[in-house]
Amino acid sequence: MNELSAGILSELGNDAPSLEAIRKGMSEREEHLKVLSIIQNNKKEMNLSTEDVQILRPLFDAFITMNDEIQQRISTLMNTQLDKMAVATKQRKVQESYGISKTPNISYF
C-alpha cells in the first residue's frame, strides 16, 4: 500500500499528472484495504507479538501520512483546475461577445 501511495504522490508531483494512473493506484490501494479489513474481521482479536507491532506500526504511520498528503495534493489540484475552468469560461464569454456584438461587453473581466 505504501508503494502504491508513493507512486500516487509521485504522479501528483508531475506538471501534468495522469488521472488514469492516479485512479488505478487509488483503486489498487482500496483493494488492499478491503483485504486487510476482511482479515481483521475474521480474526476478532489479532494476537501480534511486540516485534510484529514494532515492524507494522511505522508502516501504517507512513501510510497515514502519505494518505493525508495525497488528499491535500488532490484537493489543491482540483482547486487549480476549477480556477482554470473559471478563467476559460470567462474568456469564452468574452470571445462570444466580440463575435456577436459591434460593441463588445467586457464586463466579464
Protein backbone atom coordinates (compact mmCIF):
# COMPACT_ATOMS: atom_id res chain seq x y z
CA MET A 1 0.00 0.00 0.00
CA ASN A 2 2.85 2.34 0.79
CA GLU A 3 4.46 1.71 -2.61
CA LEU A 4 1.15 2.50 -4.32
CA SER A 5 0.78 5.64 -2.20
CA ALA A 6 4.32 6.74 -3.09
CA GLY A 7 3.51 6.19 -6.78
CA ILE A 8 0.38 8.30 -6.50
CA LEU A 9 2.31 11.09 -4.76
CA SER A 10 4.96 10.93 -7.46
CA GLU A 11 2.30 11.22 -10.17
CA LEU A 12 0.67 14.14 -8.36
CA GLY A 13 4.07 15.86 -8.31
CA ASN A 14 4.25 15.87 -12.13
CA ASP A 15 3.42 19.01 -14.11
CA ALA A 16 0.67 17.12 -15.93
CA PRO A 17 -0.39 14.22 -13.68
CA SER A 18 -2.09 11.26 -15.30
CA LEU A 19 -5.56 10.97 -13.82
CA GLU A 20 -5.76 7.39 -15.09
CA ALA A 21 -2.56 6.41 -13.23
CA ILE A 22 -3.86 8.09 -10.06
CA ARG A 23 -7.25 6.38 -10.38
CA LYS A 24 -5.58 2.99 -10.92
CA GLY A 25 -3.31 3.45 -7.89
CA MET A 26 -6.21 4.53 -5.68
CA SER A 27 -8.27 1.53 -6.84
CA GLU A 28 -5.43 -0.89 -6.08
CA ARG A 29 -4.97 0.67 -2.63
CA GLU A 30 -8.68 0.27 -1.95
CA GLU A 31 -8.48 -3.44 -2.84
CA HIS A 32 -5.60 -3.92 -0.37
CA LEU A 33 -7.56 -2.10 2.34
CA LYS A 34 -10.56 -4.37 1.71
CA VAL A 35 -8.36 -7.44 2.18
CA LEU A 36 -6.97 -6.03 5.44
CA SER A 37 -10.49 -5.33 6.64
CA ILE A 38 -11.58 -8.90 5.87
CA ILE A 39 -8.56 -10.29 7.70
CA GLN A 40 -9.28 -8.08 10.70
CA ASN A 41 -12.97 -9.04 10.76
CA ASN A 42 -12.17 -12.76 10.56
CA LYS A 43 -9.79 -12.52 13.49
CA LYS A 44 -11.70 -10.77 16.21
CA GLU A 45 -8.55 -10.42 18.24
CA MET A 46 -5.29 -10.24 16.42
CA ASN A 47 -2.51 -11.65 18.56
CA LEU A 48 0.50 -9.76 17.30
CA SER A 49 3.80 -10.05 19.03
CA THR A 50 5.56 -6.92 20.27
CA GLU A 51 8.08 -7.39 17.47
CA ASP A 52 5.29 -7.55 14.86
CA VAL A 53 3.75 -4.37 16.24
CA GLN A 54 7.14 -2.61 16.14
CA ILE A 55 7.52 -3.60 12.49
CA LEU A 56 3.97 -2.77 11.40
CA ARG A 57 3.39 0.48 13.35
CA PRO A 58 5.85 2.62 11.32
CA LEU A 59 4.46 1.20 8.07
CA PHE A 60 0.89 2.13 8.99
CA ASP A 61 2.04 5.54 10.27
CA ALA A 62 3.79 6.15 6.93
CA PHE A 63 0.62 5.09 5.10
CA ILE A 64 -1.49 7.55 7.10
CA THR A 65 0.99 10.36 6.45
CA MET A 66 1.09 9.64 2.71
CA ASN A 67 -2.69 9.36 2.58
CA ASP A 68 -3.06 12.80 4.17
CA GLU A 69 -0.61 14.24 1.66
CA ILE A 70 -2.44 12.60 -1.25
CA GLN A 71 -5.72 14.13 -0.09
CA GLN A 72 -4.11 17.55 0.24
CA ARG A 73 -2.48 17.39 -3.20
CA ILE A 74 -5.66 16.17 -4.88
CA SER A 75 -7.62 18.98 -3.25
CA THR A 76 -5.05 21.53 -4.44
CA LEU A 77 -5.07 20.05 -7.96
CA MET A 78 -8.87 20.16 -8.06
CA ASN A 79 -8.97 23.80 -6.93
CA THR A 80 -6.36 24.72 -9.55
CA GLN A 81 -8.39 23.03 -12.27
CA LEU A 82 -11.58 24.77 -11.12
CA ASP A 83 -9.76 28.12 -11.31
CA LYS A 84 -8.56 27.32 -14.84
CA MET A 85 -12.10 26.39 -15.87
CA ALA A 86 -13.47 29.65 -14.50
CA VAL A 87 -10.89 31.68 -16.47
CA ALA A 88 -11.60 29.67 -19.62
CA THR A 89 -15.34 30.22 -19.22
CA LYS A 90 -14.84 33.99 -18.89
CA GLN A 91 -12.59 34.05 -21.95
CA ARG A 92 -15.15 32.10 -23.98
CA LYS A 93 -17.92 34.52 -22.99
CA VAL A 94 -15.78 37.47 -24.00
CA GLN A 95 -14.91 35.87 -27.33
CA GLU A 96 -18.58 35.15 -27.99
CA SER A 97 -19.44 38.73 -27.11
CA TYR A 98 -16.81 40.04 -29.55
CA GLY A 99 -18.12 37.82 -32.30
CA ILE A 100 -21.77 38.81 -31.86
CA SER A 101 -21.73 42.49 -31.00
CA LYS A 102 -20.19 45.55 -32.59
CA THR A 103 -19.91 46.98 -29.06
CA PRO A 104 -18.49 44.08 -27.03
CA ASN A 105 -19.31 43.63 -23.37
CA ILE A 106 -16.06 43.23 -21.46
CA SER A 107 -17.68 43.24 -18.02
CA TYR A 108 -16.65 39.60 -17.60
CA PHE A 109 -13.21 40.85 -16.64
